[in-house]
Protein backbone atom coordinates (compact mmCIF):
# COMPACT_ATOMS: atom_id res chain seq x y z
CA MET A 1 19.99 26.72 -0.41
CA ALA A 2 17.08 27.92 -1.96
CA ASN A 3 16.36 25.28 -3.71
CA ASP A 4 16.67 22.53 -1.36
CA SER A 5 13.62 24.24 0.42
CA VAL A 6 11.55 24.41 -2.83
CA ASN A 7 11.74 20.37 -2.66
CA VAL A 8 10.82 20.24 1.12
CA GLY A 9 7.46 18.80 1.48
CA ILE A 10 7.36 17.08 -2.07
CA GLU A 11 7.14 13.29 -1.68
CA THR A 12 8.71 10.90 -4.09
CA THR A 13 7.28 7.82 -5.67
CA GLU A 14 9.46 5.40 -3.78
CA GLN A 15 8.61 7.28 -0.26
CA ARG A 16 4.39 7.19 -1.14
CA PHE A 17 4.74 3.48 -2.34
CA GLU A 18 6.81 2.96 0.94
CA LYS A 19 4.28 4.51 3.10
CA ILE A 20 1.15 2.76 1.73
CA LEU A 21 2.87 -0.12 1.69
CA GLY A 22 3.55 0.11 5.38
CA ARG A 23 -0.50 0.29 5.53
CA GLU A 24 -1.94 -2.68 7.52
CA PRO A 25 -4.00 -4.28 4.69
CA PHE A 26 -0.79 -4.58 2.37
CA LYS A 27 1.21 -6.66 5.15
CA GLY A 28 1.16 -9.50 3.34
CA LEU A 29 1.91 -8.04 -0.25
CA LYS A 30 4.71 -6.41 1.46
CA GLY A 31 6.20 -9.62 3.28
CA ILE A 32 6.24 -11.37 -0.12
CA LEU A 33 8.03 -8.18 -1.35
CA ASN A 34 10.37 -8.17 0.70
CA SER A 35 11.27 -12.01 0.44
CA LEU A 36 11.61 -11.63 -3.39
CA SER A 37 13.88 -8.22 -3.27
CA SER A 38 15.40 -5.69 -1.00
CA ASP A 39 15.40 -3.25 -4.05
CA ARG A 40 12.28 -0.57 -2.99
CA GLU A 41 12.64 1.07 -6.14
CA ALA A 42 12.34 -2.03 -8.44
CA GLN A 43 9.76 -2.85 -6.23
CA CYS A 44 8.16 0.37 -6.81
CA ALA A 45 8.52 0.08 -10.78
CA ALA A 46 7.02 -3.38 -10.70
CA VAL A 47 3.83 -2.51 -8.75
CA ASN A 48 3.70 0.05 -11.06
CA SER A 49 3.68 -1.74 -14.56
CA ALA A 50 2.09 -4.89 -13.12
CA ASN A 51 -1.30 -5.56 -14.44
CA SER A 52 -1.70 -8.54 -12.31
CA TYR A 53 -0.01 -10.67 -9.08
CA GLU A 54 1.61 -13.25 -11.38
CA GLU A 55 2.81 -10.27 -13.93
CA LEU A 56 4.50 -8.57 -10.65
CA LEU A 57 6.54 -11.80 -9.64
CA THR A 58 7.22 -12.17 -13.24
CA ARG A 59 8.67 -8.52 -12.98
CA LEU A 60 10.48 -9.24 -10.17
CA GLY A 61 11.80 -12.09 -11.59
CA TYR A 62 9.74 -14.88 -10.06
CA ARG A 63 7.10 -17.04 -11.93
CA ILE A 64 4.19 -18.42 -10.04
CA THR A 65 3.52 -21.98 -9.19
CA LEU A 66 0.14 -22.98 -8.09
CA THR A 67 -1.03 -26.08 -6.12
CA ASN A 68 -4.01 -26.88 -4.60
CA GLN A 69 -3.04 -26.66 -0.61
CA ILE A 70 0.32 -25.80 1.13
CA HIS A 71 0.64 -27.58 4.61
CA VAL A 72 2.81 -24.72 6.05
CA GLN A 73 4.16 -26.79 8.88
CA ASP A 74 5.55 -29.23 6.61
CA CYS A 75 7.54 -26.42 4.35
CA TYR A 76 9.54 -24.88 7.31
CA SER A 77 11.29 -28.84 7.41
CA ARG A 78 12.20 -27.80 3.86
CA VAL A 79 13.69 -24.58 3.82
CA GLY A 80 17.24 -24.50 2.48
CA ALA A 81 19.14 -25.59 -0.22
CA ALA A 82 18.11 -29.50 0.34
CA GLY A 83 14.59 -28.56 0.21
CA GLY A 84 14.68 -25.82 -2.00
CA ILE A 85 12.33 -23.19 -0.04
CA LYS A 86 13.99 -19.72 0.73
CA ALA A 87 10.93 -18.75 2.80
CA VAL A 88 7.73 -19.84 4.04
CA LEU A 89 5.21 -16.83 4.27
CA PRO A 90 1.99 -18.16 6.23
CA TYR A 91 0.01 -15.16 5.62
CA TYR A 92 -3.61 -15.42 7.55
CA ASP A 93 -6.16 -12.92 6.38
CA ILE A 94 -8.64 -11.97 9.42
CA PRO A 95 -11.44 -10.18 7.74
CA THR A 96 -11.74 -13.29 5.48
CA GLN A 97 -10.78 -15.77 7.95
CA SER A 98 -8.33 -17.35 4.95
CA SER A 99 -5.33 -18.90 4.95
CA LEU A 100 -2.89 -17.67 2.34
CA PRO A 101 0.19 -19.34 2.40
CA SER A 102 3.07 -18.51 -0.37
CA LEU A 103 6.58 -20.22 -0.68
CA ILE A 104 9.37 -18.69 -2.24
CA ASN A 105 11.34 -20.99 -3.95
CA LEU A 106 15.47 -20.65 -4.58
CA ASP A 107 14.68 -21.68 -8.39
CA SER A 108 13.07 -18.32 -9.07
CA THR A 109 9.23 -19.37 -8.01
CA VAL A 110 6.70 -18.79 -5.88
CA THR A 111 4.36 -21.55 -5.04
CA THR A 112 0.81 -20.63 -3.70
CA THR A 113 -2.74 -21.69 -4.03
CA ALA A 114 -5.38 -20.18 -6.74
CA LYS A 115 -7.19 -18.69 -3.99
CA SER A 116 -3.96 -16.90 -2.55
CA ALA A 117 -3.17 -15.73 -6.04
CA ALA A 118 -6.70 -14.06 -6.36
CA PHE A 119 -6.28 -12.38 -2.95
CA PHE A 120 -3.10 -10.72 -3.83
CA ASN A 121 -4.01 -10.08 -7.00
CA LYS A 122 -7.16 -7.76 -5.65
CA MET A 123 -4.39 -6.27 -3.01
CA LEU A 124 -2.36 -5.20 -6.07
CA VAL A 125 -5.15 -3.56 -7.36
CA THR A 126 -6.32 -1.90 -4.33
CA LEU A 127 -2.61 -0.86 -3.44
CA LYS A 128 -2.22 0.34 -7.22
CA THR A 129 -5.77 2.52 -6.61
CA GLN A 130 -4.47 3.82 -3.86
CA LEU A 131 -0.97 5.18 -5.18
CA SER A 132 -2.22 6.90 -8.07
CA ALA A 133 -5.15 8.58 -5.67
CA GLN A 134 -2.10 9.99 -3.89
CA LYS A 135 -0.85 11.46 -6.38
């Protein structure tokens, strides 16, 4: 029982990851990660080892496909095997007033715009900074 009391209050890497990822600024990135994998340990490892958003997606088994624009409403009709879309993530960032949609496709690709990829790349950097500051 003495050993149990030693571990009380010690936050694991995964617990810290979950707590920080759950904060409001990371809502969009969390939605993407949850659509790619339900394995939080794998997500944590991928975030900690990735140096870019594209690399993060690759580490989770996806590749990024850039497109000029995404018509979100049209994409909902293509969800499923026939349309090839697993999930439509219509993220809107209020501070920048930007629509930053992503499509998770059944062929293990993430379709997004260059603007969205750049946004989530910055978000990844911020997440990694907060994760390392919490240690």
